[in-house]
Amino acid sequence: MGKWIDWQAMKQGVPLAIVNPNGTSSECPKCDSKLEENGYRRLKCSRCIFEADRDIIGKLNFREKALKKLKIKVIPRGSLATPTAPPQMTDVNPNRWGNQ
């Protein structure tokens, strides 16, 4: 299966990074501190008060490791929308088929 993924990535021109998943859900994705259990499947950082599901934490740390391995600059986490984003377009006809 691994060779097929390598081949598909190469064929599509997608960068591929092999990342070891060990420890990805035990470190805080914000400050790299050790996380503590805070309920069922929840982990919390005692240093920066970050809290999330352990699968989400693992995904964030896994992504970080892959981007570092690929030497891609990591964009700071935050809101995807800028405060100066224009309002949504409201002049679109809601009935796309032209029926009354």
PDB file of N, CA and C in Angstrom:
ATOM      1  N   MET A   1       0.822  -1.191   0.000  1.00  0.00           N
ATOM      2  CA  MET A   1       0.000   0.000   0.000  1.00  0.00           C
ATOM      3  C   MET A   1       0.873   1.265   0.000  1.00  0.00           C
ATOM      4  N   GLY A   2       1.983   1.233   0.725  1.00  0.00           N
ATOM      5  CA  GLY A   2       2.851   2.400   0.807  1.00  0.00           C
ATOM      6  C   GLY A   2       3.426   2.806  -0.534  1.00  0.00           C
ATOM      7  N   LYS A   3       3.806   1.823  -1.350  1.00  0.00           N
ATOM      8  CA  LYS A   3       4.364   2.134  -2.668  1.00  0.00           C
ATOM      9  C   LYS A   3       3.304   2.742  -3.581  1.00  0.00           C
ATOM     10  N   TRP A   4       2.042   2.311  -3.448  1.00  0.00           N
ATOM     11  CA  TRP A   4       0.966   2.869  -4.251  1.00  0.00           C
ATOM     12  C   TRP A   4       0.759   4.342  -3.896  1.00  0.00           C
ATOM     13  N   ILE A   5       0.789   4.658  -2.602  1.00  0.00           N
ATOM     14  CA  ILE A   5       0.629   6.050  -2.164  1.00  0.00           C
ATOM     15  C   ILE A   5       1.794   6.895  -2.679  1.00  0.00           C
ATOM     16  N   ASP A   6       3.018   6.370  -2.584  1.00  0.00           N
ATOM     17  CA  ASP A   6       4.187   7.078  -3.114  1.00  0.00           C
ATOM     18  C   ASP A   6       4.021   7.364  -4.607  1.00  0.00           C
ATOM     19  N   TRP A   7       3.582   6.356  -5.353  1.00  0.00           N
ATOM     20  CA  TRP A   7       3.422   6.489  -6.798  1.00  0.00           C
ATOM     21  C   TRP A   7       2.345   7.513  -7.134  1.00  0.00           C
ATOM     22  N   GLN A   8       1.203   7.459  -6.426  1.00  0.00           N
ATOM     23  CA  GLN A   8       0.123   8.412  -6.674  1.00  0.00           C
ATOM     24  C   GLN A   8       0.569   9.848  -6.366  1.00  0.00           C
ATOM     25  N   ALA A   9       1.281  10.027  -5.265  1.00  0.00           N
ATOM     26  CA  ALA A   9       1.772  11.358  -4.902  1.00  0.00           C
ATOM     27  C   ALA A   9       2.733  11.886  -5.967  1.00  0.00           C
ATOM     28  N   MET A  10       3.633  11.031  -6.429  1.00  0.00           N
ATOM     29  CA  MET A  10       4.591  11.442  -7.448  1.00  0.00           C
ATOM     30  C   MET A  10       3.862  11.764  -8.758  1.00  0.00           C
ATOM     31  N   LYS A  11       2.896  10.935  -9.137  1.00  0.00           N
ATOM     32  CA  LYS A  11       2.147  11.128 -10.378  1.00  0.00           C
ATOM     33  C   LYS A  11       1.373  12.448 -10.370  1.00  0.00           C
ATOM     34  N   GLN A  12       0.807  12.814  -9.204  1.00  0.00           N
ATOM     35  CA  GLN A  12       0.009  14.028  -9.093  1.00  0.00           C
ATOM     36  C   GLN A  12       0.836  15.260  -8.721  1.00  0.00           C
ATOM     37  N   GLY A  13       2.126  15.071  -8.435  1.00  0.00           N
ATOM     38  CA  GLY A  13       2.987  16.187  -8.064  1.00  0.00           C
ATOM     39  C   GLY A  13       2.731  16.694  -6.650  1.00  0.00           C
ATOM     40  N   VAL A  14       2.276  15.803  -5.785  1.00  0.00           N
ATOM     41  CA  VAL A  14       1.963  16.166  -4.402  1.00  0.00           C
ATOM     42  C   VAL A  14       3.149  15.788  -3.516  1.00  0.00           C
ATOM     43  N   PRO A  15       3.622  16.705  -2.675  1.00  0.00           N
ATOM     44  CA  PRO A  15       4.725  16.350  -1.781  1.00  0.00           C
ATOM     45  C   PRO A  15       4.266  15.308  -0.763  1.00  0.00           C
ATOM     46  N   LEU A  16       5.160  14.410  -0.413  1.00  0.00           N
ATOM     47  CA  LEU A  16       4.836  13.321   0.510  1.00  0.00           C
ATOM     48  C   LEU A  16       5.834  13.333   1.656  1.00  0.00           C
ATOM     49  N   ALA A  17       5.333  13.274   2.879  1.00  0.00           N
ATOM     50  CA  ALA A  17       6.193  13.215   4.057  1.00  0.00           C
ATOM     51  C   ALA A  17       5.768  12.020   4.902  1.00  0.00           C
ATOM     52  N   ILE A  18       6.708  11.172   5.241  1.00  0.00           N
ATOM     53  CA  ILE A  18       6.447  10.037   6.116  1.00  0.00           C
ATOM     54  C   ILE A  18       6.716  10.507   7.540  1.00  0.00           C
ATOM     55  N   VAL A  19       5.683  10.459   8.386  1.00  0.00           N
ATOM     56  CA  VAL A  19       5.785  10.968   9.755  1.00  0.00           C
ATOM     57  C   VAL A  19       5.466   9.855  10.734  1.00  0.00           C
ATOM     58  N   ASN A  20       6.292   9.728  11.764  1.00  0.00           N
ATOM     59  CA  ASN A  20       6.046   8.760  12.824  1.00  0.00           C
ATOM     60  C   ASN A  20       4.955   9.314  13.738  1.00  0.00           C
ATOM     61  N   PRO A  21       3.835   8.595  13.914  1.00  0.00           N
ATOM     62  CA  PRO A  21       2.734   9.123  14.718  1.00  0.00           C
ATOM     63  C   PRO A  21       2.938   9.010  16.230  1.00  0.00           C
ATOM     64  N   ASN A  22       4.016   8.377  16.662  1.00  0.00           N
ATOM     65  CA  ASN A  22       4.238   8.212  18.110  1.00  0.00           C
ATOM     66  C   ASN A  22       4.350   9.550  18.823  1.00  0.00           C
ATOM     67  N   GLY A  23       3.564   9.701  19.883  1.00  0.00           N
ATOM     68  CA  GLY A  23       3.629  10.895  20.721  1.00  0.00           C
ATOM     69  C   GLY A  23       2.878  12.096  20.190  1.00  0.00           C
ATOM     70  N   THR A  24       2.156  11.961  19.081  1.00  0.00           N
ATOM     71  CA  THR A  24       1.502  13.131  18.513  1.00  0.00           C
ATOM     72  C   THR A  24       0.306  13.601  19.330  1.00  0.00           C
ATOM     73  N   SER A  25      -0.265  12.732  20.165  1.00  0.00           N
ATOM     74  CA  SER A  25      -1.407  13.177  20.967  1.00  0.00           C
ATOM     75  C   SER A  25      -1.038  13.378  22.431  1.00  0.00           C
ATOM     76  N   SER A  26       0.237  13.481  22.734  1.00  0.00           N
ATOM     77  CA  SER A  26       0.635  13.694  24.125  1.00  0.00           C
ATOM     78  C   SER A  26       1.317  15.040  24.358  1.00  0.00           C
ATOM     79  N   GLU A  27       1.555  15.817  23.294  1.00  0.00           N
ATOM     80  CA  GLU A  27       2.173  17.138  23.421  1.00  0.00           C
ATOM     81  C   GLU A  27       1.187  18.215  23.004  1.00  0.00           C
ATOM     82  N   CYS A  28       1.256  19.364  23.654  1.00  0.00           N
ATOM     83  CA  CYS A  28       0.395  20.501  23.331  1.00  0.00           C
ATOM     84  C   CYS A  28       0.806  21.059  21.964  1.00  0.00           C
ATOM     85  N   PRO A  29      -0.158  21.225  21.034  1.00  0.00           N
ATOM     86  CA  PRO A  29       0.196  21.771  19.726  1.00  0.00           C
ATOM     87  C   PRO A  29       0.560  23.251  19.749  1.00  0.00           C
ATOM     88  N   LYS A  30       0.278  23.947  20.841  1.00  0.00           N
ATOM     89  CA  LYS A  30       0.606  25.375  20.940  1.00  0.00           C
ATOM     90  C   LYS A  30       1.958  25.624  21.590  1.00  0.00           C
ATOM     91  N   CYS A  31       2.228  24.937  22.719  1.00  0.00           N
ATOM     92  CA  CYS A  31       3.463  25.247  23.463  1.00  0.00           C
ATOM     93  C   CYS A  31       4.370  24.038  23.677  1.00  0.00           C
ATOM     94  N   ASP A  32       4.049  22.886  23.125  1.00  0.00           N
ATOM     95  CA  ASP A  32       4.853  21.655  23.197  1.00  0.00           C
ATOM     96  C   ASP A  32       5.002  21.098  24.612  1.00  0.00           C
ATOM     97  N   SER A  33       4.138  21.480  25.540  1.00  0.00           N
ATOM     98  CA  SER A  33       4.173  20.922  26.896  1.00  0.00           C
ATOM     99  C   SER A  33       3.464  19.579  26.930  1.00  0.00           C
ATOM    100  N   LYS A  34       3.698  18.841  27.987  1.00  0.00           N
ATOM    101  CA  LYS A  34       3.028  17.559  28.183  1.00  0.00           C
ATOM    102  C   LYS A  34       1.567  17.808  28.538  1.00  0.00           C
ATOM    103  N   LEU A  35       0.644  17.062  27.913  1.00  0.00           N
ATOM    104  CA  LEU A  35      -0.787  17.220  28.161  1.00  0.00           C
ATOM    105  C   LEU A  35      -1.252  16.286  29.263  1.00  0.00           C
ATOM    106  N   GLU A  36      -2.308  16.699  29.951  1.00  0.00           N
ATOM    107  CA  GLU A  36      -2.900  15.899  31.020  1.00  0.00           C
ATOM    108  C   GLU A  36      -4.328  15.546  30.640  1.00  0.00           C
ATOM    109  N   GLU A  37      -4.794  14.377  31.101  1.00  0.00           N
ATOM    110  CA  GLU A  37      -6.169  13.971  30.816  1.00  0.00           C
ATOM    111  C   GLU A  37      -7.137  14.884  31.538  1.00  0.00           C
ATOM    112  N   ASN A  38      -8.236  15.208  30.835  1.00  0.00           N
ATOM    113  CA  ASN A  38      -9.249  16.089  31.399  1.00  0.00           C
ATOM    114  C   ASN A  38     -10.625  15.549  31.006  1.00  0.00           C
ATOM    115  N   GLY A  39     -10.895  14.313  31.356  1.00  0.00           N
ATOM    116  CA  GLY A  39     -12.159  13.685  30.987  1.00  0.00           C
ATOM    117  C   GLY A  39     -11.947  12.666  29.891  1.00  0.00           C
ATOM    118  N   TYR A  40     -13.060  12.097  29.427  1.00  0.00           N
ATOM    119  CA  TYR A  40     -13.018  11.058  28.406  1.00  0.00           C
ATOM    120  C   TYR A  40     -12.547  11.628  27.069  1.00  0.00           C
ATOM    121  N   ARG A  41     -11.397  11.152  26.590  1.00  0.00           N
ATOM    122  CA  ARG A  41     -10.798  11.542  25.317  1.00  0.00           C
ATOM    123  C   ARG A  41     -10.412  13.016  25.234  1.00  0.00           C
ATOM    124  N   ARG A  42     -10.416  13.740  26.319  1.00  0.00           N
ATOM    125  CA  ARG A  42     -10.049  15.160  26.339  1.00  0.00           C
ATOM    126  C   ARG A  42      -8.691  15.301  27.010  1.00  0.00           C
ATOM    127  N   LEU A  43      -7.872  16.170  26.458  1.00  0.00           N
ATOM    128  CA  LEU A  43      -6.572  16.480  27.029  1.00  0.00           C
ATOM    129  C   LEU A  43      -6.466  17.982  27.208  1.00  0.00           C
ATOM    130  N   LYS A  44      -5.719  18.382  28.250  1.00  0.00           N
ATOM    131  CA  LYS A  44      -5.582  19.800  28.569  1.00  0.00           C
ATOM    132  C   LYS A  44      -4.128  20.104  28.903  1.00  0.00           C
ATOM    133  N   CYS A  45      -3.692  21.277  28.459  1.00  0.00           N
ATOM    134  CA  CYS A  45      -2.343  21.748  28.775  1.00  0.00           C
ATOM    135  C   CYS A  45      -2.423  22.619  30.018  1.00  0.00           C
ATOM    136  N   SER A  46      -1.627  22.294  31.014  1.00  0.00           N
ATOM    137  CA  SER A  46      -1.640  23.083  32.244  1.00  0.00           C
ATOM    138  C   SER A  46      -0.854  24.389  32.081  1.00  0.00           C
ATOM    139  N   ARG A  47      -0.046  24.483  31.024  1.00  0.00           N
ATOM    140  CA  ARG A  47       0.770  25.673  30.817  1.00  0.00           C
ATOM    141  C   ARG A  47       0.024  26.774  30.057  1.00  0.00           C
ATOM    142  N   CYS A  48      -0.638  26.408  28.945  1.00  0.00           N
ATOM    143  CA  CYS A  48      -1.312  27.438  28.129  1.00  0.00           C
ATOM    144  C   CYS A  48      -2.831  27.260  28.104  1.00  0.00           C
ATOM    145  N   ILE A  49      -3.369  26.327  28.852  1.00  0.00           N
ATOM    146  CA  ILE A  49      -4.802  26.079  29.020  1.00  0.00           C
ATOM    147  C   ILE A  49      -5.479  25.619  27.709  1.00  0.00           C
ATOM    148  N   PHE A  50      -4.711  25.130  26.735  1.00  0.00           N
ATOM    149  CA  PHE A  50      -5.299  24.566  25.515  1.00  0.00           C
ATOM    150  C   PHE A  50      -5.978  23.250  25.872  1.00  0.00           C
ATOM    151  N   GLU A  51      -7.175  23.019  25.319  1.00  0.00           N
ATOM    152  CA  GLU A  51      -7.913  21.791  25.595  1.00  0.00           C
ATOM    153  C   GLU A  51      -8.633  21.345  24.331  1.00  0.00           C
ATOM    154  N   ALA A  52      -8.565  20.031  24.035  1.00  0.00           N
ATOM    155  CA  ALA A  52      -9.243  19.493  22.857  1.00  0.00           C
ATOM    156  C   ALA A  52      -9.305  17.976  22.952  1.00  0.00           C
ATOM    157  N   ASP A  53     -10.027  17.375  22.012  1.00  0.00           N
ATOM    158  CA  ASP A  53     -10.099  15.926  21.893  1.00  0.00           C
ATOM    159  C   ASP A  53      -8.725  15.398  21.481  1.00  0.00           C
ATOM    160  N   ARG A  54      -8.363  14.218  21.955  1.00  0.00           N
ATOM    161  CA  ARG A  54      -7.023  13.702  21.680  1.00  0.00           C
ATOM    162  C   ARG A  54      -6.790  13.433  20.199  1.00  0.00           C
ATOM    163  N   ASP A  55      -7.843  13.114  19.433  1.00  0.00           N
ATOM    164  CA  ASP A  55      -7.675  12.912  17.995  1.00  0.00           C
ATOM    165  C   ASP A  55      -7.379  14.230  17.280  1.00  0.00           C
ATOM    166  N   ILE A  56      -8.005  15.299  17.717  1.00  0.00           N
ATOM    167  CA  ILE A  56      -7.743  16.627  17.131  1.00  0.00           C
ATOM    168  C   ILE A  56      -6.313  17.058  17.440  1.00  0.00           C
ATOM    169  N   ILE A  57      -5.891  16.837  18.677  1.00  0.00           N
ATOM    170  CA  ILE A  57      -4.521  17.189  19.076  1.00  0.00           C
ATOM    171  C   ILE A  57      -3.519  16.389  18.253  1.00  0.00           C
ATOM    172  N   GLY A  58      -3.784  15.099  18.082  1.00  0.00           N
ATOM    173  CA  GLY A  58      -2.907  14.254  17.276  1.00  0.00           C
ATOM    174  C   GLY A  58      -2.816  14.740  15.838  1.00  0.00           C
ATOM    175  N   LYS A  59      -3.959  15.143  15.276  1.00  0.00           N
ATOM    176  CA  LYS A  59      -3.980  15.644  13.898  1.00  0.00           C
ATOM    177  C   LYS A  59      -3.166  16.927  13.758  1.00  0.00           C
ATOM    178  N   LEU A  60      -3.326  17.842  14.717  1.00  0.00           N
ATOM    179  CA  LEU A  60      -2.584  19.105  14.664  1.00  0.00           C
ATOM    180  C   LEU A  60      -1.078  18.861  14.762  1.00  0.00           C
ATOM    181  N   ASN A  61      -0.675  17.985  15.685  1.00  0.00           N
ATOM    182  CA  ASN A  61       0.753  17.697  15.844  1.00  0.00           C
ATOM    183  C   ASN A  61       1.310  16.929  14.647  1.00  0.00           C
ATOM    184  N   PHE A  62       0.508  16.020  14.083  1.00  0.00           N
ATOM    185  CA  PHE A  62       0.930  15.249  12.916  1.00  0.00           C
ATOM    186  C   PHE A  62       1.155  16.182  11.732  1.00  0.00           C
ATOM    187  N   ARG A  63       0.221  17.119  11.544  1.00  0.00           N
ATOM    188  CA  ARG A  63       0.332  18.107  10.468  1.00  0.00           C
ATOM    189  C   ARG A  63       1.590  18.954  10.642  1.00  0.00           C
ATOM    190  N   GLU A  64       1.831  19.386  11.869  1.00  0.00           N
ATOM    191  CA  GLU A  64       3.011  20.206  12.170  1.00  0.00           C
ATOM    192  C   GLU A  64       4.306  19.465  11.816  1.00  0.00           C
ATOM    193  N   LYS A  65       4.374  18.182  12.204  1.00  0.00           N
ATOM    194  CA  LYS A  65       5.564  17.378  11.904  1.00  0.00           C
ATOM    195  C   LYS A  65       5.754  17.224  10.395  1.00  0.00           C
ATOM    196  N   ALA A  66       4.667  16.976   9.676  1.00  0.00           N
ATOM    197  CA  ALA A  66       4.759  16.801   8.227  1.00  0.00           C
ATOM    198  C   ALA A  66       5.222  18.087   7.552  1.00  0.00           C
ATOM    199  N   LEU A  67       4.671  19.219   7.970  1.00  0.00           N
ATOM    200  CA  LEU A  67       5.068  20.496   7.364  1.00  0.00           C
ATOM    201  C   LEU A  67       6.523  20.829   7.659  1.00  0.00           C
ATOM    202  N   LYS A  68       6.977  20.519   8.865  1.00  0.00           N
ATOM    203  CA  LYS A  68       8.393  20.753   9.184  1.00  0.00           C
ATOM    204  C   LYS A  68       9.294  19.859   8.345  1.00  0.00           C
ATOM    205  N   LYS A  69       8.859  18.603   8.156  1.00  0.00           N
ATOM    206  CA  LYS A  69       9.652  17.671   7.366  1.00  0.00           C
ATOM    207  C   LYS A  69       9.735  18.119   5.910  1.00  0.00           C
ATOM    208  N   LEU A  70       8.657  18.699   5.402  1.00  0.00           N
ATOM    209  CA  LEU A  70       8.629  19.196   4.027  1.00  0.00           C
ATOM    210  C   LEU A  70       9.239  20.592   3.908  1.00  0.00           C
ATOM    211  N   LYS A  71       9.616  21.174   5.056  1.00  0.00           N
ATOM    212  CA  LYS A  71      10.195  22.518   5.120  1.00  0.00           C
ATOM    213  C   LYS A  71       9.246  23.569   4.559  1.00  0.00           C
ATOM    214  N   ILE A  72       7.975  23.435   4.928  1.00  0.00           N
ATOM    215  CA  ILE A  72       6.948  24.390   4.545  1.00  0.00           C
ATOM    216  C   ILE A  72       6.677  25.274   5.738  1.00  0.00           C
ATOM    217  N   LYS A  73       6.643  26.577   5.512  1.00  0.00           N
ATOM    218  CA  LYS A  73       6.394  27.513   6.602  1.00  0.00           C
ATOM    219  C   LYS A  73       4.986  27.291   7.157  1.00  0.00           C
ATOM    220  N   VAL A  74       4.903  27.149   8.465  1.00  0.00           N
ATOM    221  CA  VAL A  74       3.625  26.898   9.125  1.00  0.00           C
ATOM    222  C   VAL A  74       2.910  28.218   9.344  1.00  0.00           C
ATOM    223  N   ILE A  75       1.659  28.289   8.890  1.00  0.00           N
ATOM    224  CA  ILE A  75       0.845  29.489   9.058  1.00  0.00           C
ATOM    225  C   ILE A  75       0.258  29.474  10.462  1.00  0.00           C
ATOM    226  N   PRO A  76       0.344  30.580  11.204  1.00  0.00           N
ATOM    227  CA  PRO A  76      -0.223  30.611  12.549  1.00  0.00           C
ATOM    228  C   PRO A  76      -1.706  30.277  12.536  1.00  0.00           C
ATOM    229  N   ARG A  77      -2.136  29.534  13.553  1.00  0.00           N
ATOM    230  CA  ARG A  77      -3.543  29.157  13.636  1.00  0.00           C
ATOM    231  C   ARG A  77      -4.371  30.353  14.070  1.00  0.00           C
ATOM    232  N   GLY A  78      -5.594  30.397  13.635  1.00  0.00           N
ATOM    233  CA  GLY A  78      -6.496  31.485  13.998  1.00  0.00           C
ATOM    234  C   GLY A  78      -7.680  31.486  13.073  1.00  0.00           C
ATOM    235  N   SER A  79      -8.318  32.603  13.002  1.00  0.00           N
ATOM    236  CA  SER A  79      -9.513  32.737  12.179  1.00  0.00           C
ATOM    237  C   SER A  79      -9.137  32.699  10.701  1.00  0.00           C
ATOM    238  N   LEU A  80      -9.959  32.038   9.908  1.00  0.00           N
ATOM    239  CA  LEU A  80      -9.726  31.996   8.473  1.00  0.00           C
ATOM    240  C   LEU A  80     -10.237  33.247   7.783  1.00  0.00           C
ATOM    241  N   ALA A  81     -11.200  33.920   8.394  1.00  0.00           N
ATOM    242  CA  ALA A  81     -11.765  35.129   7.798  1.00  0.00           C
ATOM    243  C   ALA A  81     -11.093  36.356   8.406  1.00  0.00           C
ATOM    244  N   THR A  82     -10.777  37.308   7.545  1.00  0.00           N
ATOM    245  CA  THR A  82     -10.187  38.540   8.047  1.00  0.00           C
ATOM    246  C   THR A  82     -11.300  39.463   8.529  1.00  0.00           C
ATOM    247  N   PRO A  83     -11.026  40.328   9.498  1.00  0.00           N
ATOM    248  CA  PRO A  83     -12.067  41.218   9.990  1.00  0.00           C
ATOM    249  C   PRO A  83     -12.556  42.209   8.941  1.00  0.00           C
ATOM    250  N   THR A  84     -11.766  42.416   7.888  1.00  0.00           N
ATOM    251  CA  THR A  84     -12.163  43.362   6.849  1.00  0.00           C
ATOM    252  C   THR A  84     -12.751  42.670   5.630  1.00  0.00           C
ATOM    253  N   ALA A  85     -13.146  41.412   5.774  1.00  0.00           N
ATOM    254  CA  ALA A  85     -13.714  40.676   4.639  1.00  0.00           C
ATOM    255  C   ALA A  85     -15.019  41.325   4.206  1.00  0.00           C
ATOM    256  N   PRO A  86     -15.254  41.400   2.895  1.00  0.00           N
ATOM    257  CA  PRO A  86     -16.497  42.019   2.425  1.00  0.00           C
ATOM    258  C   PRO A  86     -17.696  41.164   2.816  1.00  0.00           C
ATOM    259  N   PRO A  87     -18.869  41.786   2.963  1.00  0.00           N
ATOM    260  CA  PRO A  87     -20.062  41.017   3.309  1.00  0.00           C
ATOM    261  C   PRO A  87     -20.432  40.072   2.170  1.00  0.00           C
ATOM    262  N   GLN A  88     -21.188  39.034   2.504  1.00  0.00           N
ATOM    263  CA  GLN A  88     -21.593  38.073   1.483  1.00  0.00           C
ATOM    264  C   GLN A  88     -22.475  38.741   0.435  1.00  0.00           C
ATOM    265  N   MET A  89     -22.407  38.228  -0.763  1.00  0.00           N
ATOM    266  CA  MET A  89     -23.202  38.764  -1.860  1.00  0.00           C
ATOM    267  C   MET A  89     -24.675  38.431  -1.614  1.00  0.00           C
ATOM    268  N   THR A  90     -25.544  39.429  -1.721  1.00  0.00           N
ATOM    269  CA  THR A  90     -26.965  39.216  -1.445  1.00  0.00           C
ATOM    270  C   THR A  90     -27.840  39.464  -2.664  1.00  0.00           C
ATOM    271  N   ASP A  91     -27.249  39.834  -3.798  1.00  0.00           N
ATOM    272  CA  ASP A  91     -28.069  40.139  -4.966  1.00  0.00           C
ATOM    273  C   ASP A  91     -28.241  38.943  -5.897  1.00  0.00           C
ATOM    274  N   VAL A  92     -27.969  37.732  -5.424  1.00  0.00           N
ATOM    275  CA  VAL A  92     -28.099  36.530  -6.235  1.00  0.00           C
ATOM    276  C   VAL A  92     -29.536  36.045  -6.170  1.00  0.00           C
ATOM    277  N   ASN A  93     -30.110  35.708  -7.308  1.00  0.00           N
ATOM    278  CA  ASN A  93     -31.463  35.188  -7.365  1.00  0.00           C
ATOM    279  C   ASN A  93     -31.480  33.808  -6.710  1.00  0.00           C
ATOM    280  N   PRO A  94     -32.259  33.603  -5.631  1.00  0.00           N
ATOM    281  CA  PRO A  94     -32.252  32.324  -4.943  1.00  0.00           C
ATOM    282  C   PRO A  94     -32.856  31.201  -5.774  1.00  0.00           C
ATOM    283  N   ASN A  95     -33.680  31.514  -6.771  1.00  0.00           N
ATOM    284  CA  ASN A  95     -34.298  30.511  -7.616  1.00  0.00           C
ATOM    285  C   ASN A  95     -33.471  30.381  -8.904  1.00  0.00           C
ATOM    286  N   ARG A  96     -32.579  29.421  -8.929  1.00  0.00           N
ATOM    287  CA  ARG A  96     -31.659  29.289 -10.052  1.00  0.00           C
ATOM    288  C   ARG A  96     -32.328  28.729 -11.302  1.00  0.00           C
ATOM    289  N   TRP A  97     -33.480  28.107 -11.167  1.00  0.00           N
ATOM    290  CA  TRP A  97     -34.137  27.478 -12.313  1.00  0.00           C
ATOM    291  C   TRP A  97     -35.127  28.426 -12.991  1.00  0.00           C
ATOM    292  N   GLY A  98     -35.362  29.596 -12.432  1.00  0.00           N
ATOM    293  CA  GLY A  98     -36.240  30.566 -13.040  1.00  0.00           C
ATOM    294  C   GLY A  98     -37.711  30.326 -12.795  1.00  0.00           C
ATOM    295  N   ASN A  99     -38.043  29.343 -11.951  1.00  0.00           N
ATOM    296  CA  ASN A  99     -39.455  29.079 -11.632  1.00  0.00           C
ATOM    297  C   ASN A  99     -39.958  30.074 -10.593  1.00  0.00           C
ATOM    298  N   GLN A 100     -41.249  30.309 -10.618  1.00  0.00           N
ATOM    299  CA  GLN A 100     -41.864  31.220  -9.640  1.00  0.00           C
ATOM    300  C   GLN A 100     -41.991  30.561  -8.278  1.00  0.00           C
TER     301      GLN A 100
END
